[in-house]
């Protein structure tokens, strides 16, 4: 591994472990493009595994127009999901365990078979048969940066793009699921609706997001594995929380998922 990649990954991993805001990386370590950001991200994953448990899936960011405008990044970005960051609906988490915790309303998928690099390129149609189930999901994000607006996409990618875990509701088998284009998702905070969107807001269909991820990994010779969870992107703009907040994401036909912080 290149020394600069390892040094950048060590800075990011240390900030994550200490729950301390990440400052801009020194110019000689900051990734110059998104490809370098993903190389650092993989090194960060290796460093965090003893603390996070194994990689169990991925999150995809910037898949809706509202999030692309919010982050000023016009295309999807990916990050890791780890075993100790995955929670069941109803969980109570400590707001103090995050720098500044936020939530997003998502449609998650669980894969029933691999999507191997050798089968690329993937489309929304070709990935759909690999989906075993859909799950209503709260993506947990953490604003763990000193001025994320000036970080740039490559550095945000290196740090898993705000990823901090997820809360999953009950799975709905693919064959029993509603038309995702028509699914309305509502983010409810302390009993008050704070945002809503539809499955159509996620790159036109959440399957497009899954295909993007499968193709992105295939370019690196990697695959998505059966049993992995993929968070396909937020239907609403990120909602930043304060300690004591109660969160519910309600997705028509897919159910509800809840958490408190």
C-alpha atoms as a PDB file:
ATOM      1  CA  UNK A   1       0.000   0.000   0.000  1.00  0.00           C
ATOM      2  CA  UNK A   2       1.223   3.492  -0.836  1.00  0.00           C
ATOM      3  CA  UNK A   3       2.523   5.258   2.292  1.00  0.00           C
ATOM      4  CA  UNK A   4       0.395   8.349   1.671  1.00  0.00           C
ATOM      5  CA  UNK A   5      -2.774   6.255   1.378  1.00  0.00           C
ATOM      6  CA  UNK A   6      -2.019   4.517   4.662  1.00  0.00           C
ATOM      7  CA  UNK A   7      -1.190   7.810   6.397  1.00  0.00           C
ATOM      8  CA  UNK A   8      -4.451   9.398   5.227  1.00  0.00           C
ATOM      9  CA  UNK A   9      -6.427   6.318   6.264  1.00  0.00           C
ATOM     10  CA  UNK A  10      -4.813   6.356   9.706  1.00  0.00           C
ATOM     11  CA  UNK A  11      -5.842   9.994  10.243  1.00  0.00           C
ATOM     12  CA  UNK A  12      -9.429   9.245   9.229  1.00  0.00           C
ATOM     13  CA  UNK A  13      -9.677   6.033  11.256  1.00  0.00           C
ATOM     14  CA  UNK A  14      -8.254   7.737  14.351  1.00  0.00           C
ATOM     15  CA  UNK A  15     -10.831  10.523  14.115  1.00  0.00           C
ATOM     16  CA  UNK A  16     -13.608   7.932  13.722  1.00  0.00           C
ATOM     17  CA  UNK A  17     -12.455   5.912  16.731  1.00  0.00           C
ATOM     18  CA  UNK A  18     -12.085   9.018  18.910  1.00  0.00           C
ATOM     19  CA  UNK A  19     -15.354  10.564  17.678  1.00  0.00           C
ATOM     20  CA  UNK A  20     -13.456  13.758  16.966  1.00  0.00           C
ATOM     21  CA  UNK A  21     -14.235  16.095  14.042  1.00  0.00           C
ATOM     22  CA  UNK A  22     -12.052  15.399  11.021  1.00  0.00           C
ATOM     23  CA  UNK A  23     -10.127  18.383   9.702  1.00  0.00           C
ATOM     24  CA  UNK A  24      -9.099  18.717   6.079  1.00  0.00           C
ATOM     25  CA  UNK A  25      -6.288  16.307   5.280  1.00  0.00           C
ATOM     26  CA  UNK A  26      -2.844  17.830   4.644  1.00  0.00           C
ATOM     27  CA  UNK A  27      -2.323  18.657   0.945  1.00  0.00           C
ATOM     28  CA  UNK A  28       0.205  15.862   0.522  1.00  0.00           C
ATOM     29  CA  UNK A  29      -2.298  13.284   1.865  1.00  0.00           C
ATOM     30  CA  UNK A  30      -5.641  14.538   0.563  1.00  0.00           C
ATOM     31  CA  UNK A  31      -6.965  12.408  -2.318  1.00  0.00           C
ATOM     32  CA  UNK A  32      -6.676  14.232  -5.626  1.00  0.00           C
ATOM     33  CA  UNK A  33      -9.668  12.525  -7.185  1.00  0.00           C
ATOM     34  CA  UNK A  34     -12.479  10.156  -6.318  1.00  0.00           C
ATOM     35  CA  UNK A  35     -10.527   7.052  -7.347  1.00  0.00           C
ATOM     36  CA  UNK A  36      -7.885   7.968  -4.750  1.00  0.00           C
ATOM     37  CA  UNK A  37     -10.661   8.587  -2.248  1.00  0.00           C
ATOM     38  CA  UNK A  38     -11.944   5.038  -2.710  1.00  0.00           C
ATOM     39  CA  UNK A  39      -8.416   3.623  -2.298  1.00  0.00           C
ATOM     40  CA  UNK A  40      -8.129   5.429   1.028  1.00  0.00           C
ATOM     41  CA  UNK A  41     -11.626   4.250   1.963  1.00  0.00           C
ATOM     42  CA  UNK A  42     -10.610   0.605   1.546  1.00  0.00           C
ATOM     43  CA  UNK A  43      -7.599   1.200   3.805  1.00  0.00           C
ATOM     44  CA  UNK A  44      -9.865   2.893   6.372  1.00  0.00           C
ATOM     45  CA  UNK A  45     -12.101  -0.191   6.333  1.00  0.00           C
ATOM     46  CA  UNK A  46      -9.135  -2.437   7.069  1.00  0.00           C
ATOM     47  CA  UNK A  47      -8.097  -0.258  10.005  1.00  0.00           C
ATOM     48  CA  UNK A  48     -11.606  -0.053  11.470  1.00  0.00           C
ATOM     49  CA  UNK A  49     -12.542  -3.744  11.243  1.00  0.00           C
ATOM     50  CA  UNK A  50     -11.415  -4.563  14.826  1.00  0.00           C
ATOM     51  CA  UNK A  51     -13.772  -1.846  16.088  1.00  0.00           C
ATOM     52  CA  UNK A  52     -16.697  -2.086  13.675  1.00  0.00           C
ATOM     53  CA  UNK A  53     -16.902  -5.788  12.916  1.00  0.00           C
ATOM     54  CA  UNK A  54     -16.981  -7.101   9.342  1.00  0.00           C
ATOM     55  CA  UNK A  55     -18.270  -5.285   6.289  1.00  0.00           C
ATOM     56  CA  UNK A  56     -21.895  -6.414   5.820  1.00  0.00           C
ATOM     57  CA  UNK A  57     -22.969  -4.128   3.011  1.00  0.00           C
ATOM     58  CA  UNK A  58     -22.825  -0.679   1.506  1.00  0.00           C
ATOM     59  CA  UNK A  59     -24.544   2.695   1.547  1.00  0.00           C
ATOM     60  CA  UNK A  60     -25.044   4.806  -1.551  1.00  0.00           C
ATOM     61  CA  UNK A  61     -25.198   8.577  -1.183  1.00  0.00           C
ATOM     62  CA  UNK A  62     -26.277  11.340  -3.542  1.00  0.00           C
ATOM     63  CA  UNK A  63     -28.857   9.264  -5.385  1.00  0.00           C
ATOM     64  CA  UNK A  64     -31.655  11.834  -5.208  1.00  0.00           C
ATOM     65  CA  UNK A  65     -31.848  15.370  -6.534  1.00  0.00           C
ATOM     66  CA  UNK A  66     -32.486  16.751  -3.048  1.00  0.00           C
ATOM     67  CA  UNK A  67     -29.289  15.172  -1.701  1.00  0.00           C
ATOM     68  CA  UNK A  68     -27.217  16.072  -4.771  1.00  0.00           C
ATOM     69  CA  UNK A  69     -28.234  19.706  -4.318  1.00  0.00           C
ATOM     70  CA  UNK A  70     -27.607  19.583  -0.570  1.00  0.00           C
ATOM     71  CA  UNK A  71     -24.085  18.175  -0.914  1.00  0.00           C
ATOM     72  CA  UNK A  72     -23.339  19.797  -4.293  1.00  0.00           C
ATOM     73  CA  UNK A  73     -22.212  16.434  -5.704  1.00  0.00           C
ATOM     74  CA  UNK A  74     -24.068  15.481  -8.906  1.00  0.00           C
ATOM     75  CA  UNK A  75     -23.534  11.721  -8.869  1.00  0.00           C
ATOM     76  CA  UNK A  76     -23.744   8.725  -6.517  1.00  0.00           C
ATOM     77  CA  UNK A  77     -21.014   7.898  -3.983  1.00  0.00           C
ATOM     78  CA  UNK A  78     -20.522   4.738  -1.943  1.00  0.00           C
ATOM     79  CA  UNK A  79     -19.429   3.769   1.553  1.00  0.00           C
ATOM     80  CA  UNK A  80     -19.316   0.755   3.839  1.00  0.00           C
ATOM     81  CA  UNK A  81     -21.833  -0.654   6.322  1.00  0.00           C
ATOM     82  CA  UNK A  82     -20.382  -2.660   9.211  1.00  0.00           C
ATOM     83  CA  UNK A  83     -21.857  -5.293  11.511  1.00  0.00           C
ATOM     84  CA  UNK A  84     -21.746  -3.292  14.743  1.00  0.00           C
ATOM     85  CA  UNK A  85     -23.469  -0.352  13.087  1.00  0.00           C
ATOM     86  CA  UNK A  86     -26.572  -2.324  12.053  1.00  0.00           C
ATOM     87  CA  UNK A  87     -29.486  -2.160  14.509  1.00  0.00           C
ATOM     88  CA  UNK A  88     -33.040  -3.453  14.745  1.00  0.00           C
ATOM     89  CA  UNK A  89     -36.079  -1.199  14.765  1.00  0.00           C
ATOM     90  CA  UNK A  90     -36.813   0.274  18.197  1.00  0.00           C
ATOM     91  CA  UNK A  91     -33.173   0.662  19.189  1.00  0.00           C
ATOM     92  CA  UNK A  92     -32.156   3.452  21.583  1.00  0.00           C
ATOM     93  CA  UNK A  93     -28.744   4.890  20.675  1.00  0.00           C
ATOM     94  CA  UNK A  94     -26.644   7.479  22.471  1.00  0.00           C
ATOM     95  CA  UNK A  95     -26.429  10.809  20.679  1.00  0.00           C
ATOM     96  CA  UNK A  96     -23.109  11.294  22.502  1.00  0.00           C
ATOM     97  CA  UNK A  97     -21.648   8.391  20.514  1.00  0.00           C
ATOM     98  CA  UNK A  98     -21.674  10.622  17.414  1.00  0.00           C
ATOM     99  CA  UNK A  99     -20.144  13.990  16.590  1.00  0.00           C
ATOM    100  CA  UNK A 100     -23.469  15.283  15.220  1.00  0.00           C
ATOM    101  CA  UNK A 101     -25.922  12.538  14.374  1.00  0.00           C
ATOM    102  CA  UNK A 102     -28.410  12.727  11.535  1.00  0.00           C
ATOM    103  CA  UNK A 103     -30.858  10.397   9.838  1.00  0.00           C
ATOM    104  CA  UNK A 104     -32.100   9.660   6.344  1.00  0.00           C
ATOM    105  CA  UNK A 105     -35.122   7.725   5.029  1.00  0.00           C
ATOM    106  CA  UNK A 106     -34.103   4.831   2.802  1.00  0.00           C
ATOM    107  CA  UNK A 107     -35.203   1.718   0.994  1.00  0.00           C
ATOM    108  CA  UNK A 108     -32.649  -0.991   1.778  1.00  0.00           C
ATOM    109  CA  UNK A 109     -32.210  -4.214  -0.168  1.00  0.00           C
ATOM    110  CA  UNK A 110     -30.880  -7.571   0.968  1.00  0.00           C
ATOM    111  CA  UNK A 111     -29.244  -9.658  -1.717  1.00  0.00           C
ATOM    112  CA  UNK A 112     -30.138 -13.278  -2.293  1.00  0.00           C
ATOM    113  CA  UNK A 113     -27.205 -14.013  -4.617  1.00  0.00           C
ATOM    114  CA  UNK A 114     -23.859 -12.547  -5.627  1.00  0.00           C
ATOM    115  CA  UNK A 115     -23.421  -9.861  -8.254  1.00  0.00           C
ATOM    116  CA  UNK A 116     -20.004 -10.837  -9.573  1.00  0.00           C
ATOM    117  CA  UNK A 117     -17.665  -8.497 -11.405  1.00  0.00           C
ATOM    118  CA  UNK A 118     -17.592 -10.908 -14.338  1.00  0.00           C
ATOM    119  CA  UNK A 119     -21.315 -10.257 -14.952  1.00  0.00           C
ATOM    120  CA  UNK A 120     -20.887  -6.496 -15.404  1.00  0.00           C
ATOM    121  CA  UNK A 121     -22.098  -4.185 -16.772  1.00  0.00           C
ATOM    122  CA  UNK A 122     -25.261  -4.268 -14.670  1.00  0.00           C
ATOM    123  CA  UNK A 123     -28.562  -2.516 -15.268  1.00  0.00           C
ATOM    124  CA  UNK A 124     -31.601  -1.948 -13.080  1.00  0.00           C
ATOM    125  CA  UNK A 125     -33.203  -4.974 -14.747  1.00  0.00           C
ATOM    126  CA  UNK A 126     -30.265  -7.337 -14.319  1.00  0.00           C
ATOM    127  CA  UNK A 127     -29.772  -6.611 -10.612  1.00  0.00           C
ATOM    128  CA  UNK A 128     -33.427  -6.970  -9.662  1.00  0.00           C
ATOM    129  CA  UNK A 129     -33.400 -10.777  -9.640  1.00  0.00           C
ATOM    130  CA  UNK A 130     -30.545 -10.764  -7.122  1.00  0.00           C
ATOM    131  CA  UNK A 131     -32.682  -8.952  -4.542  1.00  0.00           C
ATOM    132  CA  UNK A 132     -34.121 -11.212  -1.866  1.00  0.00           C
ATOM    133  CA  UNK A 133     -35.998  -8.586   0.144  1.00  0.00           C
ATOM    134  CA  UNK A 134     -36.560  -4.883   0.753  1.00  0.00           C
ATOM    135  CA  UNK A 135     -36.388  -3.297   4.194  1.00  0.00           C
ATOM    136  CA  UNK A 136     -37.484   0.099   5.514  1.00  0.00           C
ATOM    137  CA  UNK A 137     -34.342   1.744   6.818  1.00  0.00           C
ATOM    138  CA  UNK A 138     -32.999   4.652   8.786  1.00  0.00           C
ATOM    139  CA  UNK A 139     -29.528   5.486   7.617  1.00  0.00           C
ATOM    140  CA  UNK A 140     -27.537   6.955  10.488  1.00  0.00           C
ATOM    141  CA  UNK A 141     -25.107   9.625   9.358  1.00  0.00           C
ATOM    142  CA  UNK A 142     -22.573  11.633  11.327  1.00  0.00           C
ATOM    143  CA  UNK A 143     -21.432  15.153  10.525  1.00  0.00           C
ATOM    144  CA  UNK A 144     -17.931  14.411  11.782  1.00  0.00           C
ATOM    145  CA  UNK A 145     -16.098  17.091   9.812  1.00  0.00           C
ATOM    146  CA  UNK A 146     -14.694  20.550  10.337  1.00  0.00           C
ATOM    147  CA  UNK A 147     -16.495  22.213   7.438  1.00  0.00           C
ATOM    148  CA  UNK A 148     -17.697  19.356   5.240  1.00  0.00           C
ATOM    149  CA  UNK A 149     -18.758  21.900   2.626  1.00  0.00           C
ATOM    150  CA  UNK A 150     -15.081  22.550   1.820  1.00  0.00           C
ATOM    151  CA  UNK A 151     -13.849  18.948   2.136  1.00  0.00           C
ATOM    152  CA  UNK A 152     -14.578  17.923  -1.437  1.00  0.00           C
ATOM    153  CA  UNK A 153     -16.064  14.634  -2.629  1.00  0.00           C
ATOM    154  CA  UNK A 154     -12.764  12.657  -2.674  1.00  0.00           C
ATOM    155  CA  UNK A 155     -12.139  13.201   1.065  1.00  0.00           C
ATOM    156  CA  UNK A 156     -15.774  12.575   1.982  1.00  0.00           C
ATOM    157  CA  UNK A 157     -15.615   9.330   0.008  1.00  0.00           C
ATOM    158  CA  UNK A 158     -12.422   8.337   1.850  1.00  0.00           C
ATOM    159  CA  UNK A 159     -14.383   8.635   5.107  1.00  0.00           C
ATOM    160  CA  UNK A 160     -17.413   6.631   3.903  1.00  0.00           C
ATOM    161  CA  UNK A 161     -19.455   9.687   3.057  1.00  0.00           C
ATOM    162  CA  UNK A 162     -20.951  10.437   6.507  1.00  0.00           C
ATOM    163  CA  UNK A 163     -21.845   6.760   7.084  1.00  0.00           C
ATOM    164  CA  UNK A 164     -22.436   5.790  10.711  1.00  0.00           C
ATOM    165  CA  UNK A 165     -24.747   2.773  10.528  1.00  0.00           C
ATOM    166  CA  UNK A 166     -28.398   1.976   9.998  1.00  0.00           C
ATOM    167  CA  UNK A 167     -31.590   0.781  11.642  1.00  0.00           C
ATOM    168  CA  UNK A 168     -33.558  -1.838   9.723  1.00  0.00           C
ATOM    169  CA  UNK A 169     -37.222  -2.763   9.836  1.00  0.00           C
ATOM    170  CA  UNK A 170     -38.803  -6.067   8.917  1.00  0.00           C
ATOM    171  CA  UNK A 171     -37.928  -7.438   5.455  1.00  0.00           C
ATOM    172  CA  UNK A 172     -40.526  -7.658   2.704  1.00  0.00           C
ATOM    173  CA  UNK A 173     -39.873 -10.371   0.113  1.00  0.00           C
ATOM    174  CA  UNK A 174     -39.212  -8.975  -3.357  1.00  0.00           C
ATOM    175  CA  UNK A 175     -42.180 -10.846  -4.817  1.00  0.00           C
ATOM    176  CA  UNK A 176     -44.506  -9.318  -2.184  1.00  0.00           C
ATOM    177  CA  UNK A 177     -43.172  -5.767  -2.369  1.00  0.00           C
ATOM    178  CA  UNK A 178     -45.078  -2.848  -3.876  1.00  0.00           C
ATOM    179  CA  UNK A 179     -43.960  -0.905  -6.927  1.00  0.00           C
ATOM    180  CA  UNK A 180     -40.971   0.993  -5.545  1.00  0.00           C
ATOM    181  CA  UNK A 181     -41.661   3.956  -7.817  1.00  0.00           C
ATOM    182  CA  UNK A 182     -44.896   4.558  -5.929  1.00  0.00           C
ATOM    183  CA  UNK A 183     -43.528   4.036  -2.414  1.00  0.00           C
ATOM    184  CA  UNK A 184     -43.845   7.232  -0.392  1.00  0.00           C
ATOM    185  CA  UNK A 185     -41.347   7.582   2.448  1.00  0.00           C
ATOM    186  CA  UNK A 186     -42.007   9.920   5.364  1.00  0.00           C
ATOM    187  CA  UNK A 187     -39.466  11.003   7.945  1.00  0.00           C
ATOM    188  CA  UNK A 188     -41.172  11.684  11.273  1.00  0.00           C
ATOM    189  CA  UNK A 189     -39.249  13.318  14.131  1.00  0.00           C
ATOM    190  CA  UNK A 190     -40.892  13.477  17.551  1.00  0.00           C
ATOM    191  CA  UNK A 191     -44.264  12.850  15.921  1.00  0.00           C
ATOM    192  CA  UNK A 192     -43.959  15.590  13.285  1.00  0.00           C
ATOM    193  CA  UNK A 193     -43.304  14.950   9.604  1.00  0.00           C
ATOM    194  CA  UNK A 194     -39.925  16.426   8.653  1.00  0.00           C
ATOM    195  CA  UNK A 195     -39.652  15.301   5.040  1.00  0.00           C
ATOM    196  CA  UNK A 196     -41.038  12.977   2.391  1.00  0.00           C
ATOM    197  CA  UNK A 197     -40.047  11.512  -0.941  1.00  0.00           C
ATOM    198  CA  UNK A 198     -40.733   8.565  -3.222  1.00  0.00           C
ATOM    199  CA  UNK A 199     -38.821   5.612  -4.570  1.00  0.00           C
ATOM    200  CA  UNK A 200     -38.790   7.368  -7.937  1.00  0.00           C
ATOM    201  CA  UNK A 201     -36.561  10.068  -6.395  1.00  0.00           C
ATOM    202  CA  UNK A 202     -33.682   7.561  -6.074  1.00  0.00           C
ATOM    203  CA  UNK A 203     -32.026   7.783  -9.513  1.00  0.00           C
ATOM    204  CA  UNK A 204     -35.440   7.174 -11.069  1.00  0.00           C
ATOM    205  CA  UNK A 205     -35.670   3.786  -9.280  1.00  0.00           C
ATOM    206  CA  UNK A 206     -33.679   2.262  -6.376  1.00  0.00           C
ATOM    207  CA  UNK A 207     -32.579  -0.554  -8.690  1.00  0.00           C
ATOM    208  CA  UNK A 208     -30.577   2.009 -10.680  1.00  0.00           C
ATOM    209  CA  UNK A 209     -28.668   2.823  -7.504  1.00  0.00           C
ATOM    210  CA  UNK A 210     -27.957  -0.860  -6.879  1.00  0.00           C
ATOM    211  CA  UNK A 211     -26.741  -1.269 -10.463  1.00  0.00           C
ATOM    212  CA  UNK A 212     -24.461   1.758 -10.035  1.00  0.00           C
ATOM    213  CA  UNK A 213     -22.900   0.190  -6.939  1.00  0.00           C
ATOM    214  CA  UNK A 214     -22.451  -3.224  -8.566  1.00  0.00           C
ATOM    215  CA  UNK A 215     -20.734  -1.593 -11.556  1.00  0.00           C
ATOM    216  CA  UNK A 216     -18.578   0.591  -9.312  1.00  0.00           C
ATOM    217  CA  UNK A 217     -17.319  -2.462  -7.404  1.00  0.00           C
ATOM    218  CA  UNK A 218     -16.870  -4.447 -10.620  1.00  0.00           C
ATOM    219  CA  UNK A 219     -14.477  -1.784 -11.915  1.00  0.00           C
ATOM    220  CA  UNK A 220     -12.259  -2.710  -8.967  1.00  0.00           C
ATOM    221  CA  UNK A 221     -12.721  -6.435  -9.545  1.00  0.00           C
ATOM    222  CA  UNK A 222     -15.021  -6.731  -6.531  1.00  0.00           C
ATOM    223  CA  UNK A 223     -18.526  -8.092  -6.104  1.00  0.00           C
ATOM    224  CA  UNK A 224     -21.639  -7.731  -4.025  1.00  0.00           C
ATOM    225  CA  UNK A 225     -22.303 -10.844  -1.958  1.00  0.00           C
ATOM    226  CA  UNK A 226     -25.464 -12.742  -1.085  1.00  0.00           C
ATOM    227  CA  UNK A 227     -26.740 -11.642   2.312  1.00  0.00           C
ATOM    228  CA  UNK A 228     -25.294  -8.142   2.091  1.00  0.00           C
ATOM    229  CA  UNK A 229     -27.442  -5.090   2.801  1.00  0.00           C
ATOM    230  CA  UNK A 230     -27.397  -2.076   0.478  1.00  0.00           C
ATOM    231  CA  UNK A 231     -28.863   1.291   1.483  1.00  0.00           C
ATOM    232  CA  UNK A 232     -29.955   2.719  -1.849  1.00  0.00           C
ATOM    233  CA  UNK A 233     -30.067   6.418  -0.941  1.00  0.00           C
ATOM    234  CA  UNK A 234     -32.209   8.880   0.949  1.00  0.00           C
ATOM    235  CA  UNK A 235     -35.681   9.867  -0.179  1.00  0.00           C
ATOM    236  CA  UNK A 236     -35.409  13.040   1.937  1.00  0.00           C
ATOM    237  CA  UNK A 237     -32.831  15.651   2.824  1.00  0.00           C
ATOM    238  CA  UNK A 238     -30.683  14.696   5.819  1.00  0.00           C
ATOM    239  CA  UNK A 239     -32.275  15.560   9.162  1.00  0.00           C
ATOM    240  CA  UNK A 240     -29.805  16.519  11.905  1.00  0.00           C
ATOM    241  CA  UNK A 241     -30.889  15.534  15.403  1.00  0.00           C
ATOM    242  CA  UNK A 242     -30.567  16.693  18.979  1.00  0.00           C
ATOM    243  CA  UNK A 243     -30.324  14.398  21.992  1.00  0.00           C
ATOM    244  CA  UNK A 244     -33.719  13.013  22.950  1.00  0.00           C
ATOM    245  CA  UNK A 245     -35.158  12.910  19.431  1.00  0.00           C
ATOM    246  CA  UNK A 246     -37.428  10.040  18.395  1.00  0.00           C
ATOM    247  CA  UNK A 247     -37.261   9.006  14.754  1.00  0.00           C
ATOM    248  CA  UNK A 248     -39.697   7.045  12.604  1.00  0.00           C
ATOM    249  CA  UNK A 249     -39.409   6.358   8.895  1.00  0.00           C
ATOM    250  CA  UNK A 250     -42.653   5.192   7.294  1.00  0.00           C
ATOM    251  CA  UNK A 251     -42.511   3.666   3.805  1.00  0.00           C
ATOM    252  CA  UNK A 252     -45.811   2.731   2.166  1.00  0.00           C
ATOM    253  CA  UNK A 253     -46.034  -0.988   1.574  1.00  0.00           C
ATOM    254  CA  UNK A 254     -42.667  -1.649   3.244  1.00  0.00           C
ATOM    255  CA  UNK A 255     -43.492  -0.759   6.834  1.00  0.00           C
ATOM    256  CA  UNK A 256     -42.025   1.416   9.542  1.00  0.00           C
ATOM    257  CA  UNK A 257     -38.675   1.588  11.296  1.00  0.00           C
ATOM    258  CA  UNK A 258     -38.006   3.466  14.527  1.00  0.00           C
ATOM    259  CA  UNK A 259     -35.137   4.601  16.736  1.00  0.00           C
ATOM    260  CA  UNK A 260     -34.377   7.114  19.445  1.00  0.00           C
ATOM    261  CA  UNK A 261     -31.209   9.075  20.128  1.00  0.00           C
END
